[in-house]
Full PDB file with SEQRES, HELIX, SHEET, SSBOND, CRYST1, ORIGX, SCALE, CONECT and MASTER records, all heavy atoms in Angstrom:
SEQRES   1 A   42  MET ARG SER PRO HIS THR PHE ASP GLY ARG LEU PHE ASP          
SEQRES   2 A   42  ALA ASP ASP LYS THR LEU PRO VAL GLY SER ARG THR THR          
SEQRES   3 A   42  MET ALA GLU GLU ASP THR GLN TYR PRO TYR ALA TYR HIS          
SEQRES   4 A   42  PHE ASP ALA                                                  
HELIX    1 AA1 MET A   27  GLU A   29  5                                   3    
CRYST1    1.000    1.000    1.000  90.00  90.00  90.00 P 1           1          
ORIGX1      1.000000  0.000000  0.000000        0.00000                         
ORIGX2      0.000000  1.000000  0.000000        0.00000                         
ORIGX3      0.000000  0.000000  1.000000        0.00000                         
SCALE1      1.000000  0.000000  0.000000        0.00000                         
SCALE2      0.000000  1.000000  0.000000        0.00000                         
SCALE3      0.000000  0.000000  1.000000        0.00000                         
ATOM      1  N   MET A   1      -9.375 -16.164 -27.633  1.00  0.00           N  
ATOM      2  CA  MET A   1      -8.031 -16.643 -27.274  1.00  0.00           C  
ATOM      3  C   MET A   1      -7.245 -15.579 -26.514  1.00  0.00           C  
ATOM      4  O   MET A   1      -6.028 -15.391 -26.711  1.00  0.00           O  
ATOM      5  CB  MET A   1      -7.268 -17.103 -28.523  1.00  0.00           C  
ATOM      6  CG  MET A   1      -7.958 -18.234 -29.256  1.00  0.00           C  
ATOM      7  SD  MET A   1      -7.273 -18.622 -30.879  1.00  0.00           S  
ATOM      8  CE  MET A   1      -5.599 -19.097 -30.488  1.00  0.00           C  
ATOM      9  N   ARG A   2      -7.918 -14.905 -25.591  1.00  0.00           N  
ATOM     10  CA  ARG A   2      -7.299 -13.802 -24.859  1.00  0.00           C  
ATOM     11  C   ARG A   2      -6.620 -14.256 -23.577  1.00  0.00           C  
ATOM     12  O   ARG A   2      -7.024 -15.222 -22.935  1.00  0.00           O  
ATOM     13  CB  ARG A   2      -8.347 -12.743 -24.508  1.00  0.00           C  
ATOM     14  CG  ARG A   2      -8.843 -11.952 -25.709  1.00  0.00           C  
ATOM     15  CD  ARG A   2      -7.673 -11.165 -26.327  1.00  0.00           C  
ATOM     16  NE  ARG A   2      -8.070 -10.288 -27.403  1.00  0.00           N  
ATOM     17  CZ  ARG A   2      -7.869 -10.542 -28.693  1.00  0.00           C  
ATOM     18  NH1 ARG A   2      -7.333 -11.684 -29.059  1.00  0.00           N  
ATOM     19  NH2 ARG A   2      -8.233  -9.667 -29.617  1.00  0.00           N  
ATOM     20  N   SER A   3      -5.585 -13.501 -23.188  1.00  0.00           N  
ATOM     21  CA  SER A   3      -4.968 -13.619 -21.873  1.00  0.00           C  
ATOM     22  C   SER A   3      -5.847 -12.902 -20.860  1.00  0.00           C  
ATOM     23  O   SER A   3      -6.487 -11.890 -21.216  1.00  0.00           O  
ATOM     24  CB  SER A   3      -3.580 -12.978 -21.888  1.00  0.00           C  
ATOM     25  OG  SER A   3      -3.139 -12.693 -20.563  1.00  0.00           O  
ATOM     26  N   PRO A   4      -5.898 -13.354 -19.603  1.00  0.00           N  
ATOM     27  CA  PRO A   4      -6.673 -12.625 -18.605  1.00  0.00           C  
ATOM     28  C   PRO A   4      -5.962 -11.361 -18.111  1.00  0.00           C  
ATOM     29  O   PRO A   4      -6.556 -10.568 -17.388  1.00  0.00           O  
ATOM     30  CB  PRO A   4      -6.821 -13.632 -17.468  1.00  0.00           C  
ATOM     31  CG  PRO A   4      -5.618 -14.510 -17.599  1.00  0.00           C  
ATOM     32  CD  PRO A   4      -5.358 -14.619 -19.069  1.00  0.00           C  
ATOM     33  N   HIS A   5      -4.684 -11.191 -18.476  1.00  0.00           N  
ATOM     34  CA  HIS A   5      -3.886 -10.056 -18.032  1.00  0.00           C  
ATOM     35  C   HIS A   5      -3.521  -9.148 -19.199  1.00  0.00           C  
ATOM     36  O   HIS A   5      -3.278  -9.614 -20.319  1.00  0.00           O  
ATOM     37  CB  HIS A   5      -2.581 -10.520 -17.380  1.00  0.00           C  
ATOM     38  CG  HIS A   5      -2.756 -11.059 -15.990  1.00  0.00           C  
ATOM     39  ND1 HIS A   5      -3.090 -10.271 -14.917  1.00  0.00           N  
ATOM     40  CD2 HIS A   5      -2.589 -12.313 -15.492  1.00  0.00           C  
ATOM     41  CE1 HIS A   5      -3.155 -11.009 -13.823  1.00  0.00           C  
ATOM     42  NE2 HIS A   5      -2.871 -12.256 -14.140  1.00  0.00           N  
ATOM     43  N   THR A   6      -3.441  -7.853 -18.923  1.00  0.00           N  
ATOM     44  CA  THR A   6      -2.818  -6.916 -19.864  1.00  0.00           C  
ATOM     45  C   THR A   6      -1.303  -7.048 -19.740  1.00  0.00           C  
ATOM     46  O   THR A   6      -0.777  -7.689 -18.821  1.00  0.00           O  
ATOM     47  CB  THR A   6      -3.247  -5.481 -19.548  1.00  0.00           C  
ATOM     48  OG1 THR A   6      -2.849  -5.174 -18.186  1.00  0.00           O  
ATOM     49  CG2 THR A   6      -4.747  -5.306 -19.687  1.00  0.00           C  
ATOM     50  N   PHE A   7      -0.586  -6.424 -20.654  1.00  0.00           N  
ATOM     51  CA  PHE A   7       0.881  -6.522 -20.629  1.00  0.00           C  
ATOM     52  C   PHE A   7       1.482  -5.997 -19.337  1.00  0.00           C  
ATOM     53  O   PHE A   7       2.535  -6.456 -18.898  1.00  0.00           O  
ATOM     54  CB  PHE A   7       1.495  -5.786 -21.822  1.00  0.00           C  
ATOM     55  CG  PHE A   7       1.307  -6.493 -23.139  1.00  0.00           C  
ATOM     56  CD1 PHE A   7       0.770  -5.809 -24.232  1.00  0.00           C  
ATOM     57  CD2 PHE A   7       1.662  -7.811 -23.304  1.00  0.00           C  
ATOM     58  CE1 PHE A   7       0.589  -6.438 -25.452  1.00  0.00           C  
ATOM     59  CE2 PHE A   7       1.495  -8.458 -24.522  1.00  0.00           C  
ATOM     60  CZ  PHE A   7       0.955  -7.761 -25.601  1.00  0.00           C  
ATOM     61  N   ASP A   8       0.829  -5.031 -18.709  1.00  0.00           N  
ATOM     62  CA  ASP A   8       1.362  -4.478 -17.464  1.00  0.00           C  
ATOM     63  C   ASP A   8       0.892  -5.259 -16.237  1.00  0.00           C  
ATOM     64  O   ASP A   8       1.109  -4.842 -15.090  1.00  0.00           O  
ATOM     65  CB  ASP A   8       0.998  -3.004 -17.306  1.00  0.00           C  
ATOM     66  CG  ASP A   8      -0.504  -2.742 -17.254  1.00  0.00           C  
ATOM     67  OD1 ASP A   8      -1.277  -3.724 -17.259  1.00  0.00           O  
ATOM     68  OD2 ASP A   8      -0.901  -1.579 -17.199  1.00  0.00           O  
ATOM     69  N   GLY A   9       0.239  -6.422 -16.469  1.00  0.00           N  
ATOM     70  CA  GLY A   9      -0.112  -7.292 -15.367  1.00  0.00           C  
ATOM     71  C   GLY A   9      -1.497  -7.098 -14.774  1.00  0.00           C  
ATOM     72  O   GLY A   9      -1.880  -7.824 -13.847  1.00  0.00           O  
ATOM     73  N   ARG A  10      -2.278  -6.129 -15.279  1.00  0.00           N  
ATOM     74  CA  ARG A  10      -3.604  -5.917 -14.740  1.00  0.00           C  
ATOM     75  C   ARG A  10      -4.545  -7.047 -15.181  1.00  0.00           C  
ATOM     76  O   ARG A  10      -4.518  -7.481 -16.327  1.00  0.00           O  
ATOM     77  CB  ARG A  10      -4.189  -4.563 -15.217  1.00  0.00           C  
ATOM     78  CG  ARG A  10      -3.541  -3.351 -14.571  1.00  0.00           C  
ATOM     79  CD  ARG A  10      -4.213  -2.054 -15.025  1.00  0.00           C  
ATOM     80  NE  ARG A  10      -4.016  -1.822 -16.453  1.00  0.00           N  
ATOM     81  CZ  ARG A  10      -4.981  -1.926 -17.371  1.00  0.00           C  
ATOM     82  NH1 ARG A  10      -6.199  -2.224 -16.981  1.00  0.00           N  
ATOM     83  NH2 ARG A  10      -4.732  -1.685 -18.641  1.00  0.00           N  
ATOM     84  N   LEU A  11      -5.373  -7.492 -14.221  1.00  0.00           N  
ATOM     85  CA  LEU A  11      -6.362  -8.528 -14.491  1.00  0.00           C  
ATOM     86  C   LEU A  11      -7.609  -7.894 -15.088  1.00  0.00           C  
ATOM     87  O   LEU A  11      -8.013  -6.801 -14.669  1.00  0.00           O  
ATOM     88  CB  LEU A  11      -6.696  -9.273 -13.194  1.00  0.00           C  
ATOM     89  CG  LEU A  11      -7.579 -10.508 -13.295  1.00  0.00           C  
ATOM     90  CD1 LEU A  11      -6.889 -11.600 -14.105  1.00  0.00           C  
ATOM     91  CD2 LEU A  11      -7.888 -11.041 -11.883  1.00  0.00           C  
ATOM     92  N   PHE A  12      -8.235  -8.576 -16.036  1.00  0.00           N  
ATOM     93  CA  PHE A  12      -9.427  -8.008 -16.690  1.00  0.00           C  
ATOM     94  C   PHE A  12     -10.561  -7.820 -15.709  1.00  0.00           C  
ATOM     95  O   PHE A  12     -11.406  -6.953 -15.891  1.00  0.00           O  
ATOM     96  CB  PHE A  12      -9.881  -8.906 -17.833  1.00  0.00           C  
ATOM     97  CG  PHE A  12     -10.617 -10.154 -17.396  1.00  0.00           C  
ATOM     98  CD1 PHE A  12     -11.992 -10.137 -17.235  1.00  0.00           C  
ATOM     99  CD2 PHE A  12      -9.949 -11.330 -17.131  1.00  0.00           C  
ATOM    100  CE1 PHE A  12     -12.684 -11.265 -16.838  1.00  0.00           C  
ATOM    101  CE2 PHE A  12     -10.615 -12.472 -16.732  1.00  0.00           C  
ATOM    102  CZ  PHE A  12     -11.987 -12.441 -16.573  1.00  0.00           C  
ATOM    103  N   ASP A  13     -10.614  -8.647 -14.669  1.00  0.00           N  
ATOM    104  CA  ASP A  13     -11.708  -8.601 -13.700  1.00  0.00           C  
ATOM    105  C   ASP A  13     -11.537  -7.403 -12.793  1.00  0.00           C  
ATOM    106  O   ASP A  13     -10.489  -7.227 -12.153  1.00  0.00           O  
ATOM    107  CB  ASP A  13     -11.689  -9.896 -12.878  1.00  0.00           C  
ATOM    108  CG  ASP A  13     -12.933 -10.050 -12.022  1.00  0.00           C  
ATOM    109  OD1 ASP A  13     -13.629  -9.044 -11.794  1.00  0.00           O  
ATOM    110  OD2 ASP A  13     -13.212 -11.185 -11.594  1.00  0.00           O  
ATOM    111  N   ALA A  14     -12.549  -6.585 -12.705  1.00  0.00           N  
ATOM    112  CA  ALA A  14     -12.461  -5.389 -11.854  1.00  0.00           C  
ATOM    113  C   ALA A  14     -12.272  -5.772 -10.383  1.00  0.00           C  
ATOM    114  O   ALA A  14     -11.698  -5.008  -9.609  1.00  0.00           O  
ATOM    115  CB  ALA A  14     -13.729  -4.547 -12.018  1.00  0.00           C  
ATOM    116  N   ASP A  15     -12.770  -6.942  -9.998  1.00  0.00           N  
ATOM    117  CA  ASP A  15     -12.610  -7.407  -8.624  1.00  0.00           C  
ATOM    118  C   ASP A  15     -11.350  -8.271  -8.540  1.00  0.00           C  
ATOM    119  O   ASP A  15     -11.391  -9.470  -8.328  1.00  0.00           O  
ATOM    120  CB  ASP A  15     -13.844  -8.224  -8.206  1.00  0.00           C  
ATOM    121  CG  ASP A  15     -13.818  -8.611  -6.732  1.00  0.00           C  
ATOM    122  OD1 ASP A  15     -13.090  -7.943  -5.976  1.00  0.00           O  
ATOM    123  OD2 ASP A  15     -14.502  -9.576  -6.361  1.00  0.00           O  
ATOM    124  N   ASP A  16     -10.213  -7.627  -8.728  1.00  0.00           N  
ATOM    125  CA  ASP A  16      -8.929  -8.320  -8.794  1.00  0.00           C  
ATOM    126  C   ASP A  16      -8.482  -8.728  -7.380  1.00  0.00           C  
ATOM    127  O   ASP A  16      -8.139  -7.898  -6.559  1.00  0.00           O  
ATOM    128  CB  ASP A  16      -7.880  -7.400  -9.431  1.00  0.00           C  
ATOM    129  CG  ASP A  16      -6.534  -8.112  -9.634  1.00  0.00           C  
ATOM    130  OD1 ASP A  16      -6.372  -9.245  -9.144  1.00  0.00           O  
ATOM    131  OD2 ASP A  16      -5.657  -7.521 -10.298  1.00  0.00           O  
ATOM    132  N   LYS A  17      -8.483 -10.051  -7.145  1.00  0.00           N  
ATOM    133  CA  LYS A  17      -8.054 -10.560  -5.838  1.00  0.00           C  
ATOM    134  C   LYS A  17      -6.796 -11.404  -5.992  1.00  0.00           C  
ATOM    135  O   LYS A  17      -6.662 -12.477  -5.420  1.00  0.00           O  
ATOM    136  CB  LYS A  17      -9.171 -11.342  -5.179  1.00  0.00           C  
ATOM    137  CG  LYS A  17     -10.360 -10.462  -4.783  1.00  0.00           C  
ATOM    138  CD  LYS A  17     -11.305 -11.178  -3.842  1.00  0.00           C  
ATOM    139  CE  LYS A  17     -12.430 -10.251  -3.398  1.00  0.00           C  
ATOM    140  NZ  LYS A  17     -13.375 -10.895  -2.465  1.00  0.00           N  
ATOM    141  N   THR A  18      -5.869 -10.898  -6.786  1.00  0.00           N  
ATOM    142  CA  THR A  18      -4.583 -11.576  -6.941  1.00  0.00           C  
ATOM    143  C   THR A  18      -3.879 -11.614  -5.588  1.00  0.00           C  
ATOM    144  O   THR A  18      -3.828 -10.629  -4.867  1.00  0.00           O  
ATOM    145  CB  THR A  18      -3.713 -10.830  -7.971  1.00  0.00           C  
ATOM    146  OG1 THR A  18      -4.409 -10.783  -9.221  1.00  0.00           O  
ATOM    147  CG2 THR A  18      -2.381 -11.541  -8.157  1.00  0.00           C  
ATOM    148  N   LEU A  19      -3.321 -12.792  -5.272  1.00  0.00           N  
ATOM    149  CA  LEU A  19      -2.663 -12.960  -3.983  1.00  0.00           C  
ATOM    150  C   LEU A  19      -1.234 -12.406  -4.034  1.00  0.00           C  
ATOM    151  O   LEU A  19      -0.488 -12.706  -4.964  1.00  0.00           O  
ATOM    152  CB  LEU A  19      -2.590 -14.445  -3.612  1.00  0.00           C  
ATOM    153  CG  LEU A  19      -3.913 -15.127  -3.306  1.00  0.00           C  
ATOM    154  CD1 LEU A  19      -3.693 -16.637  -3.163  1.00  0.00           C  
ATOM    155  CD2 LEU A  19      -4.532 -14.576  -2.053  1.00  0.00           C  
ATOM    156  N   PRO A  20      -0.829 -11.621  -3.044  1.00  0.00           N  
ATOM    157  CA  PRO A  20       0.583 -11.226  -2.968  1.00  0.00           C  
ATOM    158  C   PRO A  20       1.459 -12.445  -2.765  1.00  0.00           C  
ATOM    159  O   PRO A  20       1.074 -13.398  -2.080  1.00  0.00           O  
ATOM    160  CB  PRO A  20       0.621 -10.306  -1.736  1.00  0.00           C  
ATOM    161  CG  PRO A  20      -0.799  -9.929  -1.464  1.00  0.00           C  
ATOM    162  CD  PRO A  20      -1.638 -11.053  -1.953  1.00  0.00           C  
ATOM    163  N   VAL A  21       2.627 -12.463  -3.362  1.00  0.00           N  
ATOM    164  CA  VAL A  21       3.557 -13.568  -3.186  1.00  0.00           C  
ATOM    165  C   VAL A  21       3.897 -13.694  -1.707  1.00  0.00           C  
ATOM    166  O   VAL A  21       4.210 -12.722  -1.034  1.00  0.00           O  
ATOM    167  CB  VAL A  21       4.840 -13.340  -4.017  1.00  0.00           C  
ATOM    168  CG1 VAL A  21       5.881 -14.420  -3.706  1.00  0.00           C  
ATOM    169  CG2 VAL A  21       4.496 -13.347  -5.497  1.00  0.00           C  
ATOM    170  N   GLY A  22       3.819 -14.930  -1.198  1.00  0.00           N  
ATOM    171  CA  GLY A  22       4.093 -15.156   0.209  1.00  0.00           C  
ATOM    172  C   GLY A  22       2.868 -15.202   1.092  1.00  0.00           C  
ATOM    173  O   GLY A  22       2.974 -15.467   2.299  1.00  0.00           O  
ATOM    174  N   SER A  23       1.672 -14.984   0.509  1.00  0.00           N  
ATOM    175  CA  SER A  23       0.450 -15.055   1.297  1.00  0.00           C  
ATOM    176  C   SER A  23       0.242 -16.478   1.803  1.00  0.00           C  
ATOM    177  O   SER A  23       0.329 -17.427   1.040  1.00  0.00           O  
ATOM    178  CB  SER A  23      -0.776 -14.653   0.454  1.00  0.00           C  
ATOM    179  OG  SER A  23      -0.681 -13.311   0.048  1.00  0.00           O  
ATOM    180  N   ARG A  24      -0.030 -16.599   3.088  1.00  0.00           N  
ATOM    181  CA  ARG A  24      -0.223 -17.928   3.673  1.00  0.00           C  
ATOM    182  C   ARG A  24      -1.699 -18.273   3.742  1.00  0.00           C  
ATOM    183  O   ARG A  24      -2.274 -18.477   4.793  1.00  0.00           O  
ATOM    184  CB  ARG A  24       0.436 -17.988   5.050  1.00  0.00           C  
ATOM    185  CG  ARG A  24       1.973 -17.908   5.002  1.00  0.00           C  
ATOM    186  CD  ARG A  24       2.542 -19.046   4.170  1.00  0.00           C  
ATOM    187  NE  ARG A  24       3.975 -18.978   4.041  1.00  0.00           N  
ATOM    188  CZ  ARG A  24       4.843 -19.614   4.875  1.00  0.00           C  
ATOM    189  NH1 ARG A  24       4.388 -20.297   5.896  1.00  0.00           N  
ATOM    190  NH2 ARG A  24       6.139 -19.531   4.674  1.00  0.00           N  
ATOM    191  N   THR A  25      -2.339 -18.292   2.572  1.00  0.00           N  
ATOM    192  CA  THR A  25      -3.755 -18.655   2.507  1.00  0.00           C  
ATOM    193  C   THR A  25      -3.880 -20.037   1.862  1.00  0.00           C  
ATOM    194  O   THR A  25      -2.987 -20.505   1.167  1.00  0.00           O  
ATOM    195  CB  THR A  25      -4.544 -17.628   1.677  1.00  0.00           C  
ATOM    196  OG1 THR A  25      -4.008 -17.591   0.348  1.00  0.00           O  
ATOM    197  CG2 THR A  25      -4.479 -16.254   2.307  1.00  0.00           C  
ATOM    198  N   THR A  26      -5.027 -20.663   2.109  1.00  0.00           N  
ATOM    199  CA  THR A  26      -5.291 -21.983   1.546  1.00  0.00           C  
ATOM    200  C   THR A  26      -6.630 -21.956   0.823  1.00  0.00           C  
ATOM    201  O   THR A  26      -7.338 -20.958   0.809  1.00  0.00           O  
ATOM    202  CB  THR A  26      -5.324 -23.042   2.653  1.00  0.00           C  
ATOM    203  OG1 THR A  26      -6.450 -22.797   3.513  1.00  0.00           O  
ATOM    204  CG2 THR A  26      -4.048 -23.023   3.480  1.00  0.00           C  
ATOM    205  N   MET A  27      -6.988 -23.097   0.249  1.00  0.00           N  
ATOM    206  CA  MET A  27      -8.264 -23.189  -0.473  1.00  0.00           C  
ATOM    207  C   MET A  27      -9.443 -22.876   0.430  1.00  0.00           C  
ATOM    208  O   MET A  27     -10.474 -22.384  -0.047  1.00  0.00           O  
ATOM    209  CB  MET A  27      -8.401 -24.581  -1.077  1.00  0.00           C  
ATOM    210  CG  MET A  27      -7.469 -24.827  -2.245  1.00  0.00           C  
ATOM    211  SD  MET A  27      -7.808 -26.401  -3.068  1.00  0.00           S  
ATOM    212  CE  MET A  27      -6.895 -27.523  -2.027  1.00  0.00           C  
ATOM    213  N   ALA A  28      -9.321 -23.170   1.711  1.00  0.00           N  
ATOM    214  CA  ALA A  28     -10.433 -22.919   2.640  1.00  0.00           C  
ATOM    215  C   ALA A  28     -10.761 -21.439   2.749  1.00  0.00           C  
ATOM    216  O   ALA A  28     -11.888 -21.069   3.083  1.00  0.00           O  
ATOM    217  CB  ALA A  28     -10.083 -23.470   4.021  1.00  0.00           C  
ATOM    218  N   GLU A  29      -9.775 -20.574   2.432  1.00  0.00           N  
ATOM    219  CA  GLU A  29     -10.027 -19.123   2.502  1.00  0.00           C  
ATOM    220  C   GLU A  29     -10.459 -18.530   1.172  1.00  0.00           C  
ATOM    221  O   GLU A  29     -10.579 -17.317   1.031  1.00  0.00           O  
ATOM    222  CB  GLU A  29      -8.758 -18.391   2.971  1.00  0.00           C  
ATOM    223  CG  GLU A  29      -8.403 -18.589   4.443  1.00  0.00           C  
ATOM    224  CD  GLU A  29      -7.651 -19.869   4.693  1.00  0.00           C  
ATOM    225  OE1 GLU A  29      -6.578 -20.068   4.089  1.00  0.00           O  
ATOM    226  OE2 GLU A  29      -8.147 -20.695   5.480  1.00  0.00           O  
ATOM    227  N   GLU A  30     -10.706 -19.391   0.190  1.00  0.00           N  
ATOM    228  CA  GLU A  30     -11.095 -18.914  -1.143  1.00  0.00           C  
ATOM    229  C   GLU A  30     -12.519 -18.352  -1.074  1.00  0.00           C  
ATOM    230  O   GLU A  30     -13.494 -19.096  -0.969  1.00  0.00           O  
ATOM    231  CB  GLU A  30     -11.050 -20.064  -2.143  1.00  0.00           C  
ATOM    232  CG  GLU A  30     -11.374 -19.676  -3.572  1.00  0.00           C  
ATOM    233  CD  GLU A  30     -10.207 -18.989  -4.260  1.00  0.00           C  
ATOM    234  OE1 GLU A  30      -9.260 -19.654  -4.659  1.00  0.00           O  
ATOM    235  OE2 GLU A  30     -10.285 -17.760  -4.402  1.00  0.00           O  
ATOM    236  N   ASP A  31     -12.630 -17.027  -1.084  1.00  0.00           N  
ATOM    237  CA  ASP A  31     -13.951 -16.392  -0.993  1.00  0.00           C  
ATOM    238  C   ASP A  31     -14.389 -15.768  -2.313  1.00  0.00           C  
ATOM    239  O   ASP A  31     -15.372 -15.035  -2.378  1.00  0.00           O  
ATOM    240  CB  ASP A  31     -13.958 -15.322   0.111  1.00  0.00           C  
ATOM    241  CG  ASP A  31     -12.948 -14.201  -0.152  1.00  0.00           C  
ATOM    242  OD1 ASP A  31     -12.184 -14.300  -1.124  1.00  0.00           O  
ATOM    243  OD2 ASP A  31     -12.917 -13.256   0.644  1.00  0.00           O  
ATOM    244  N   THR A  32     -13.659 -16.055  -3.367  1.00  0.00           N  
ATOM    245  CA  THR A  32     -14.008 -15.523  -4.675  1.00  0.00           C  
ATOM    246  C   THR A  32     -13.707 -16.590  -5.717  1.00  0.00           C  
ATOM    247  O   THR A  32     -12.957 -17.527  -5.465  1.00  0.00           O  
ATOM    248  CB  THR A  32     -13.211 -14.250  -4.990  1.00  0.00           C  
ATOM    249  OG1 THR A  32     -13.668 -13.693  -6.226  1.00  0.00           O  
ATOM    250  CG2 THR A  32     -11.726 -14.548  -5.144  1.00  0.00           C  
ATOM    251  N   GLN A  33     -14.323 -16.506  -6.871  1.00  0.00           N  
ATOM    252  CA  GLN A  33     -13.983 -17.392  -7.975  1.00  0.00           C  
ATOM    253  C   GLN A  33     -12.931 -16.690  -8.822  1.00  0.00           C  
ATOM    254  O   GLN A  33     -13.261 -15.802  -9.619  1.00  0.00           O  
ATOM    255  CB  GLN A  33     -15.198 -17.739  -8.816  1.00  0.00           C  
ATOM    256  CG  GLN A  33     -14.887 -18.575 -10.059  1.00  0.00           C  
ATOM    257  CD  GLN A  33     -14.201 -19.879  -9.734  1.00  0.00           C  
ATOM    258  OE1 GLN A  33     -14.825 -20.846  -9.315  1.00  0.00           O  
ATOM    259  NE2 GLN A  33     -12.892 -19.960  -9.933  1.00  0.00           N  
ATOM    260  N   TYR A  34     -11.658 -17.038  -8.595  1.00  0.00           N  
ATOM    261  CA  TYR A  34     -10.597 -16.416  -9.375  1.00  0.00           C  
ATOM    262  C   TYR A  34     -10.734 -16.848 -10.827  1.00  0.00           C  
ATOM    263  O   TYR A  34     -11.058 -18.012 -11.103  1.00  0.00           O  
ATOM    264  CB  TYR A  34      -9.229 -16.819  -8.807  1.00  0.00           C  
ATOM    265  CG  TYR A  34      -8.129 -15.874  -9.155  1.00  0.00           C  
ATOM    266  CD1 TYR A  34      -8.155 -14.563  -8.723  1.00  0.00           C  
ATOM    267  CD2 TYR A  34      -7.050 -16.286  -9.918  1.00  0.00           C  
ATOM    268  CE1 TYR A  34      -7.140 -13.690  -9.036  1.00  0.00           C  
ATOM    269  CE2 TYR A  34      -6.009 -15.421 -10.238  1.00  0.00           C  
ATOM    270  CZ  TYR A  34      -6.068 -14.114  -9.798  1.00  0.00           C  
ATOM    271  OH  TYR A  34      -5.061 -13.247 -10.123  1.00  0.00           O  
ATOM    272  N   PRO A  35     -10.498 -15.965 -11.779  1.00  0.00           N  
ATOM    273  CA  PRO A  35     -10.911 -16.254 -13.155  1.00  0.00           C  
ATOM    274  C   PRO A  35      -9.972 -17.137 -13.981  1.00  0.00           C  
ATOM    275  O   PRO A  35     -10.247 -17.356 -15.160  1.00  0.00           O  
ATOM    276  CB  PRO A  35     -11.014 -14.846 -13.780  1.00  0.00           C  
ATOM    277  CG  PRO A  35     -10.017 -14.028 -13.030  1.00  0.00           C  
ATOM    278  CD  PRO A  35     -10.078 -14.552 -11.613  1.00  0.00           C  
ATOM    279  N   TYR A  36      -8.899 -17.618 -13.386  1.00  0.00           N  
ATOM    280  CA  TYR A  36      -8.059 -18.511 -14.194  1.00  0.00           C  
ATOM    281  C   TYR A  36      -7.251 -19.455 -13.323  1.00  0.00           C  
ATOM    282  O   TYR A  36      -7.049 -19.235 -12.135  1.00  0.00           O  
ATOM    283  CB  TYR A  36      -7.118 -17.733 -15.128  1.00  0.00           C  
ATOM    284  CG  TYR A  36      -6.016 -16.932 -14.460  1.00  0.00           C  
ATOM    285  CD1 TYR A  36      -4.822 -17.538 -14.072  1.00  0.00           C  
ATOM    286  CD2 TYR A  36      -6.140 -15.544 -14.284  1.00  0.00           C  
ATOM    287  CE1 TYR A  36      -3.801 -16.800 -13.482  1.00  0.00           C  
ATOM    288  CE2 TYR A  36      -5.119 -14.808 -13.686  1.00  0.00           C  
ATOM    289  CZ  TYR A  36      -3.959 -15.434 -13.305  1.00  0.00           C  
ATOM    290  OH  TYR A  36      -2.942 -14.723 -12.716  1.00  0.00           O  
ATOM    291  N   ALA A  37      -6.817 -20.534 -13.984  1.00  0.00           N  
ATOM    292  CA  ALA A  37      -5.881 -21.486 -13.414  1.00  0.00           C  
ATOM    293  C   ALA A  37      -4.694 -21.565 -14.379  1.00  0.00           C  
ATOM    294  O   ALA A  37      -4.430 -20.616 -15.121  1.00  0.00           O  
ATOM    295  CB  ALA A  37      -6.568 -22.833 -13.230  1.00  0.00           C  
ATOM    296  N   TYR A  38      -4.001 -22.713 -14.377  1.00  0.00           N  
ATOM    297  CA  TYR A  38      -2.824 -22.856 -15.231  1.00  0.00           C  
ATOM    298  C   TYR A  38      -2.853 -24.188 -15.971  1.00  0.00           C  
ATOM    299  O   TYR A  38      -3.421 -25.180 -15.507  1.00  0.00           O  
ATOM    300  CB  TYR A  38      -1.536 -22.800 -14.416  1.00  0.00           C  
ATOM    301  CG  TYR A  38      -1.378 -21.578 -13.553  1.00  0.00           C  
ATOM    302  CD1 TYR A  38      -1.520 -21.657 -12.175  1.00  0.00           C  
ATOM    303  CD2 TYR A  38      -1.077 -20.330 -14.112  1.00  0.00           C  
ATOM    304  CE1 TYR A  38      -1.374 -20.529 -11.368  1.00  0.00           C  
ATOM    305  CE2 TYR A  38      -0.933 -19.207 -13.328  1.00  0.00           C  
ATOM    306  CZ  TYR A  38      -1.079 -19.309 -11.942  1.00  0.00           C  
ATOM    307  OH  TYR A  38      -0.951 -18.197 -11.156  1.00  0.00           O  
ATOM    308  N   HIS A  39      -2.190 -24.196 -17.126  1.00  0.00           N  
ATOM    309  CA  HIS A  39      -1.705 -25.410 -17.768  1.00  0.00           C  
ATOM    310  C   HIS A  39      -0.199 -25.401 -17.612  1.00  0.00           C  
ATOM    311  O   HIS A  39       0.435 -24.353 -17.796  1.00  0.00           O  
ATOM    312  CB  HIS A  39      -2.018 -25.445 -19.258  1.00  0.00           C  
ATOM    313  CG  HIS A  39      -3.455 -25.260 -19.624  1.00  0.00           C  
ATOM    314  ND1 HIS A  39      -3.912 -24.156 -20.334  1.00  0.00           N  
ATOM    315  CD2 HIS A  39      -4.538 -26.028 -19.390  1.00  0.00           C  
ATOM    316  CE1 HIS A  39      -5.216 -24.283 -20.537  1.00  0.00           C  
ATOM    317  NE2 HIS A  39      -5.630 -25.399 -19.968  1.00  0.00           N  
ATOM    318  N   PHE A  40       0.392 -26.547 -17.292  1.00  0.00           N  
ATOM    319  CA  PHE A  40       1.858 -26.600 -17.232  1.00  0.00           C  
ATOM    320  C   PHE A  40       2.328 -28.024 -17.502  1.00  0.00           C  
ATOM    321  O   PHE A  40       1.553 -28.988 -17.414  1.00  0.00           O  
ATOM    322  CB  PHE A  40       2.400 -26.083 -15.889  1.00  0.00           C  
ATOM    323  CG  PHE A  40       1.801 -26.707 -14.660  1.00  0.00           C  
ATOM    324  CD1 PHE A  40       2.106 -28.020 -14.304  1.00  0.00           C  
ATOM    325  CD2 PHE A  40       0.948 -25.992 -13.844  1.00  0.00           C  
ATOM    326  CE1 PHE A  40       1.564 -28.597 -13.167  1.00  0.00           C  
ATOM    327  CE2 PHE A  40       0.410 -26.552 -12.698  1.00  0.00           C  
ATOM    328  CZ  PHE A  40       0.710 -27.874 -12.352  1.00  0.00           C  
ATOM    329  N   ASP A  41       3.590 -28.136 -17.817  1.00  0.00           N  
ATOM    330  CA  ASP A  41       4.239 -29.435 -18.002  1.00  0.00           C  
ATOM    331  C   ASP A  41       4.559 -29.980 -16.611  1.00  0.00           C  
ATOM    332  O   ASP A  41       5.388 -29.427 -15.894  1.00  0.00           O  
ATOM    333  CB  ASP A  41       5.513 -29.270 -18.828  1.00  0.00           C  
ATOM    334  CG  ASP A  41       6.175 -30.606 -19.185  1.00  0.00           C  
ATOM    335  OD1 ASP A  41       6.328 -31.415 -18.272  1.00  0.00           O  
ATOM    336  OD2 ASP A  41       6.539 -30.793 -20.349  1.00  0.00           O  
ATOM    337  N   ALA A  42       3.889 -31.052 -16.203  1.00  0.00           N  
ATOM    338  CA  ALA A  42       4.027 -31.576 -14.849  1.00  0.00           C  
ATOM    339  C   ALA A  42       5.462 -32.014 -14.563  1.00  0.00           C  
ATOM    340  O   ALA A  42       5.950 -31.824 -13.445  1.00  0.00           O  
ATOM    341  CB  ALA A  42       3.055 -32.730 -14.643  1.00  0.00           C  
TER     342      ALA A  42                                                      
MASTER        0    0    0    1    0    0    0    6  341    1    0    4          
END                                                                             
C-alpha cells in the first residue's frame, strides 16, 4: 500500500520522467511506461 513518491516528491523509479508543469506533450510522445495514474472523483 505504498505511495510512488517520497515525502519530498521523489519518484521511486530511478528513471524518473515526471513532466514539468506546462509541458506541451501528448500521448503520442509517451516513450516510457510511467509508473502511476490517478483515481479521482469525476
